[in-house]
Amino acid sequence: MTPTISDLRNLRLTAGEFGTLSQLAMRGEGDIENPDREALDMLVLSGLCRRLSVMNPDTGERVRWTNQWALTPEGAATVSAIDMIFDWDSFTFSELSSKKIKKD
């Protein structure tokens, strides 16, 4: 199911996080040059991508984590819906937008 604009807004991602998500989609599964680890962590926590690992074929246990990420089905659907966003400045989440600024 393709997410709606409201679904994308509810993710509360920053412009950088949306950019990292788009970069993952363009590259496919694999390495990312100069990854923004904070953005990747947020995408993992949002369920939009996952970090890949090496598994032992004999035991089925994880041997080690890699520096590679892949989109989840939800992440792929989100990327396909990004084209619906036109006004990025008012759409993306900003840390300042969540804080009340006091006037002196």
N, C-alpha and C. Protein backbone atom coordinates (compact mmCIF):
# COMPACT_ATOMS: atom_id res chain seq x y z
N MET A 1 0.84 -1.17 0.00
CA MET A 1 0.00 0.00 0.00
C MET A 1 0.90 1.25 0.00
N THR A 2 0.60 2.18 -0.86
CA THR A 2 1.36 3.42 -0.94
C THR A 2 0.94 4.37 0.17
N PRO A 3 1.89 4.91 0.91
CA PRO A 3 1.55 5.85 1.98
C PRO A 3 0.96 7.14 1.43
N THR A 4 0.17 7.79 2.24
CA THR A 4 -0.40 9.09 1.88
C THR A 4 0.53 10.19 2.38
N ILE A 5 0.23 11.43 2.00
CA ILE A 5 1.00 12.57 2.50
C ILE A 5 0.95 12.60 4.02
N SER A 6 -0.19 12.32 4.61
CA SER A 6 -0.31 12.30 6.07
C SER A 6 0.59 11.23 6.69
N ASP A 7 0.66 10.08 6.04
CA ASP A 7 1.53 9.01 6.53
C ASP A 7 2.99 9.46 6.52
N LEU A 8 3.40 10.12 5.43
CA LEU A 8 4.78 10.61 5.33
C LEU A 8 5.06 11.66 6.39
N ARG A 9 4.11 12.56 6.59
CA ARG A 9 4.29 13.62 7.59
C ARG A 9 4.40 13.02 9.00
N ASN A 10 3.63 11.99 9.26
CA ASN A 10 3.65 11.35 10.59
C ASN A 10 4.96 10.64 10.89
N LEU A 11 5.77 10.38 9.87
CA LEU A 11 7.09 9.79 10.11
C LEU A 11 8.01 10.77 10.83
N ARG A 12 7.74 12.07 10.65
CA ARG A 12 8.50 13.15 11.30
C ARG A 12 10.00 13.04 10.98
N LEU A 13 10.29 12.81 9.70
CA LEU A 13 11.67 12.72 9.25
C LEU A 13 12.18 14.09 8.83
N THR A 14 13.47 14.31 9.00
CA THR A 14 14.09 15.55 8.53
C THR A 14 14.38 15.44 7.04
N ALA A 15 14.74 16.56 6.44
CA ALA A 15 15.10 16.56 5.02
C ALA A 15 16.30 15.64 4.79
N GLY A 16 17.26 15.65 5.70
CA GLY A 16 18.43 14.77 5.58
C GLY A 16 18.06 13.30 5.64
N GLU A 17 17.11 12.96 6.47
CA GLU A 17 16.67 11.56 6.59
C GLU A 17 15.94 11.13 5.33
N PHE A 18 15.10 12.01 4.77
CA PHE A 18 14.45 11.70 3.50
C PHE A 18 15.50 11.55 2.40
N GLY A 19 16.55 12.40 2.44
CA GLY A 19 17.62 12.31 1.45
C GLY A 19 18.37 11.00 1.54
N THR A 20 18.65 10.56 2.77
CA THR A 20 19.33 9.28 2.97
C THR A 20 18.45 8.13 2.48
N LEU A 21 17.16 8.22 2.72
CA LEU A 21 16.23 7.20 2.25
C LEU A 21 16.24 7.14 0.72
N SER A 22 16.25 8.29 0.07
CA SER A 22 16.31 8.33 -1.40
C SER A 22 17.63 7.76 -1.90
N GLN A 23 18.73 8.07 -1.19
CA GLN A 23 20.04 7.55 -1.58
C GLN A 23 20.06 6.03 -1.50
N LEU A 24 19.45 5.49 -0.46
CA LEU A 24 19.36 4.03 -0.34
C LEU A 24 18.60 3.43 -1.52
N ALA A 25 17.52 4.08 -1.92
CA ALA A 25 16.70 3.57 -3.02
C ALA A 25 17.48 3.61 -4.34
N MET A 26 18.25 4.67 -4.55
CA MET A 26 19.01 4.79 -5.79
C MET A 26 20.14 3.76 -5.87
N ARG A 27 20.79 3.49 -4.76
CA ARG A 27 21.92 2.58 -4.74
C ARG A 27 21.50 1.12 -4.65
N GLY A 28 20.32 0.88 -4.13
CA GLY A 28 19.92 -0.50 -3.88
C GLY A 28 20.59 -1.00 -2.63
N GLU A 29 20.59 -2.28 -2.44
CA GLU A 29 21.18 -2.87 -1.25
C GLU A 29 22.70 -2.74 -1.32
N GLY A 30 23.30 -2.24 -0.27
CA GLY A 30 24.75 -2.19 -0.28
C GLY A 30 25.32 -1.01 0.47
N ASP A 31 26.58 -0.73 0.14
CA ASP A 31 27.32 0.32 0.82
C ASP A 31 26.78 1.71 0.48
N ILE A 32 26.95 2.61 1.40
CA ILE A 32 26.61 4.01 1.19
C ILE A 32 27.88 4.80 1.43
N GLU A 33 28.21 5.69 0.48
CA GLU A 33 29.38 6.54 0.68
C GLU A 33 29.07 7.57 1.75
N ASN A 34 30.00 7.76 2.67
CA ASN A 34 29.86 8.75 3.74
C ASN A 34 28.47 8.72 4.37
N PRO A 35 28.09 7.62 4.96
CA PRO A 35 26.73 7.52 5.49
C PRO A 35 26.48 8.47 6.66
N ASP A 36 25.30 9.01 6.71
CA ASP A 36 24.87 9.82 7.84
C ASP A 36 24.28 8.83 8.84
N ARG A 37 25.07 8.42 9.80
CA ARG A 37 24.65 7.36 10.71
C ARG A 37 23.43 7.75 11.52
N GLU A 38 23.30 9.01 11.90
CA GLU A 38 22.11 9.42 12.65
C GLU A 38 20.86 9.24 11.79
N ALA A 39 20.95 9.61 10.52
CA ALA A 39 19.81 9.45 9.62
C ALA A 39 19.50 7.97 9.43
N LEU A 40 20.53 7.16 9.24
CA LEU A 40 20.30 5.72 9.08
C LEU A 40 19.69 5.11 10.33
N ASP A 41 20.16 5.53 11.49
CA ASP A 41 19.57 5.02 12.74
C ASP A 41 18.09 5.36 12.82
N MET A 42 17.73 6.59 12.45
CA MET A 42 16.32 6.99 12.49
C MET A 42 15.50 6.19 11.48
N LEU A 43 16.06 5.93 10.31
CA LEU A 43 15.34 5.13 9.32
C LEU A 43 15.16 3.69 9.78
N VAL A 44 16.16 3.16 10.47
CA VAL A 44 16.02 1.80 11.04
C VAL A 44 14.94 1.81 12.11
N LEU A 45 14.98 2.80 13.00
CA LEU A 45 13.98 2.88 14.07
C LEU A 45 12.57 3.09 13.51
N SER A 46 12.48 3.76 12.37
CA SER A 46 11.18 3.99 11.73
C SER A 46 10.70 2.77 10.96
N GLY A 47 11.56 1.77 10.82
CA GLY A 47 11.18 0.56 10.08
C GLY A 47 11.28 0.72 8.58
N LEU A 48 12.01 1.76 8.10
CA LEU A 48 12.10 2.01 6.68
C LEU A 48 13.31 1.36 6.03
N CYS A 49 14.32 1.01 6.83
CA CYS A 49 15.47 0.28 6.31
C CYS A 49 16.00 -0.63 7.41
N ARG A 50 16.89 -1.51 7.02
CA ARG A 50 17.49 -2.43 7.99
C ARG A 50 18.97 -2.55 7.69
N ARG A 51 19.74 -2.79 8.73
CA ARG A 51 21.17 -3.00 8.58
C ARG A 51 21.40 -4.46 8.27
N LEU A 52 22.27 -4.72 7.31
CA LEU A 52 22.54 -6.09 6.91
C LEU A 52 23.63 -6.70 7.80
N SER A 53 23.60 -8.00 7.91
CA SER A 53 24.59 -8.71 8.72
C SER A 53 25.01 -9.98 8.01
N VAL A 54 26.12 -10.52 8.46
CA VAL A 54 26.63 -11.79 7.94
C VAL A 54 26.17 -12.87 8.90
N MET A 55 25.55 -13.90 8.34
CA MET A 55 25.04 -14.99 9.15
C MET A 55 25.88 -16.25 8.91
N ASN A 56 26.05 -17.05 9.95
CA ASN A 56 26.73 -18.33 9.84
C ASN A 56 25.72 -19.32 9.23
N PRO A 57 26.03 -19.88 8.05
CA PRO A 57 25.06 -20.79 7.42
C PRO A 57 24.83 -22.08 8.20
N ASP A 58 25.79 -22.46 9.01
CA ASP A 58 25.65 -23.71 9.77
C ASP A 58 24.76 -23.54 11.00
N THR A 59 24.95 -22.44 11.71
CA THR A 59 24.20 -22.24 12.95
C THR A 59 23.02 -21.29 12.79
N GLY A 60 23.04 -20.47 11.73
CA GLY A 60 21.97 -19.49 11.55
C GLY A 60 22.11 -18.28 12.46
N GLU A 61 23.23 -18.19 13.16
CA GLU A 61 23.46 -17.06 14.06
C GLU A 61 24.22 -15.95 13.35
N ARG A 62 23.99 -14.73 13.82
CA ARG A 62 24.67 -13.57 13.26
C ARG A 62 26.14 -13.62 13.65
N VAL A 63 27.02 -13.45 12.66
CA VAL A 63 28.46 -13.42 12.90
C VAL A 63 28.91 -11.99 13.15
N ARG A 64 28.45 -11.07 12.30
CA ARG A 64 28.83 -9.67 12.46
C ARG A 64 27.88 -8.79 11.65
N TRP A 65 27.83 -7.53 12.03
CA TRP A 65 27.08 -6.54 11.28
C TRP A 65 27.95 -6.01 10.16
N THR A 66 27.34 -5.61 9.06
CA THR A 66 28.08 -4.99 7.96
C THR A 66 27.79 -3.50 7.97
N ASN A 67 28.45 -2.76 7.11
CA ASN A 67 28.14 -1.34 6.92
C ASN A 67 27.28 -1.19 5.67
N GLN A 68 26.27 -2.05 5.57
CA GLN A 68 25.35 -2.03 4.45
C GLN A 68 23.92 -2.00 4.98
N TRP A 69 23.06 -1.32 4.24
CA TRP A 69 21.67 -1.21 4.62
C TRP A 69 20.79 -1.52 3.42
N ALA A 70 19.56 -1.92 3.68
CA ALA A 70 18.59 -2.21 2.63
C ALA A 70 17.24 -1.65 3.04
N LEU A 71 16.46 -1.24 2.05
CA LEU A 71 15.11 -0.75 2.33
C LEU A 71 14.21 -1.91 2.74
N THR A 72 13.31 -1.64 3.64
CA THR A 72 12.25 -2.59 3.97
C THR A 72 11.12 -2.35 2.96
N PRO A 73 10.12 -3.22 2.90
CA PRO A 73 8.99 -2.95 2.01
C PRO A 73 8.32 -1.60 2.32
N GLU A 74 8.25 -1.24 3.61
CA GLU A 74 7.67 0.05 3.99
C GLU A 74 8.55 1.21 3.49
N GLY A 75 9.87 1.02 3.54
CA GLY A 75 10.79 2.03 3.04
C GLY A 75 10.65 2.22 1.54
N ALA A 76 10.52 1.12 0.81
CA ALA A 76 10.34 1.19 -0.65
C ALA A 76 9.04 1.91 -0.99
N ALA A 77 7.98 1.63 -0.24
CA ALA A 77 6.70 2.31 -0.47
C ALA A 77 6.81 3.79 -0.16
N THR A 78 7.55 4.13 0.88
CA THR A 78 7.74 5.54 1.24
C THR A 78 8.51 6.27 0.15
N VAL A 79 9.55 5.64 -0.38
CA VAL A 79 10.32 6.25 -1.47
C VAL A 79 9.43 6.51 -2.68
N SER A 80 8.54 5.58 -2.98
CA SER A 80 7.67 5.76 -4.14
C SER A 80 6.67 6.89 -3.93
N ALA A 81 6.40 7.24 -2.68
CA ALA A 81 5.45 8.31 -2.38
C ALA A 81 6.11 9.67 -2.21
N ILE A 82 7.44 9.71 -2.15
CA ILE A 82 8.14 10.98 -1.92
C ILE A 82 7.83 12.02 -3.00
N ASP A 83 7.54 11.56 -4.20
CA ASP A 83 7.23 12.50 -5.29
C ASP A 83 5.99 13.34 -5.02
N MET A 84 5.18 12.96 -4.05
CA MET A 84 3.99 13.74 -3.71
C MET A 84 4.33 14.98 -2.90
N ILE A 85 5.55 15.09 -2.41
CA ILE A 85 5.96 16.22 -1.58
C ILE A 85 6.50 17.33 -2.48
N PHE A 86 5.93 18.51 -2.37
CA PHE A 86 6.37 19.63 -3.19
C PHE A 86 7.04 20.72 -2.36
N ASP A 87 6.54 20.99 -1.17
CA ASP A 87 7.08 22.06 -0.34
C ASP A 87 7.86 21.43 0.81
N TRP A 88 9.13 21.11 0.56
CA TRP A 88 9.95 20.41 1.53
C TRP A 88 10.16 21.21 2.80
N ASP A 89 10.29 22.54 2.68
CA ASP A 89 10.57 23.36 3.87
C ASP A 89 9.45 23.28 4.90
N SER A 90 8.22 23.26 4.46
CA SER A 90 7.12 23.19 5.42
C SER A 90 6.74 21.75 5.75
N PHE A 91 7.24 20.80 4.97
CA PHE A 91 6.84 19.41 5.17
C PHE A 91 7.74 18.66 6.15
N THR A 92 9.03 18.83 6.02
CA THR A 92 9.96 18.02 6.82
C THR A 92 9.98 18.46 8.28
N PHE A 93 10.34 17.54 9.12
CA PHE A 93 10.42 17.77 10.56
C PHE A 93 11.69 18.54 10.87
N SER A 94 11.57 19.48 11.77
CA SER A 94 12.72 20.25 12.23
C SER A 94 12.72 20.21 13.74
N GLU A 95 13.89 20.08 14.33
CA GLU A 95 13.96 20.06 15.79
C GLU A 95 13.40 21.35 16.37
N LEU A 96 13.59 22.47 15.67
CA LEU A 96 13.07 23.75 16.16
C LEU A 96 11.54 23.78 16.14
N SER A 97 10.93 23.04 15.21
CA SER A 97 9.48 23.08 15.13
C SER A 97 8.82 22.36 16.31
N SER A 98 9.60 21.57 17.02
CA SER A 98 9.03 20.84 18.16
C SER A 98 9.25 21.55 19.49
N LYS A 99 9.97 22.66 19.45
CA LYS A 99 10.24 23.41 20.67
C LYS A 99 9.56 24.76 20.60
N LYS A 100 9.05 25.20 21.72
CA LYS A 100 8.48 26.54 21.79
C LYS A 100 9.60 27.53 22.02
N ILE A 101 9.64 28.56 21.20
CA ILE A 101 10.68 29.58 21.34
C ILE A 101 10.11 30.70 22.15
N LYS A 102 10.79 31.02 23.27
CA LYS A 102 10.33 32.07 24.17
C LYS A 102 10.83 33.41 23.67
N LYS A 103 9.94 34.40 23.71
CA LYS A 103 10.33 35.76 23.36
C LYS A 103 10.61 36.52 24.63
N ASP A 104 11.71 37.28 24.60
CA ASP A 104 12.06 38.08 25.79
C ASP A 104 11.30 39.37 25.81
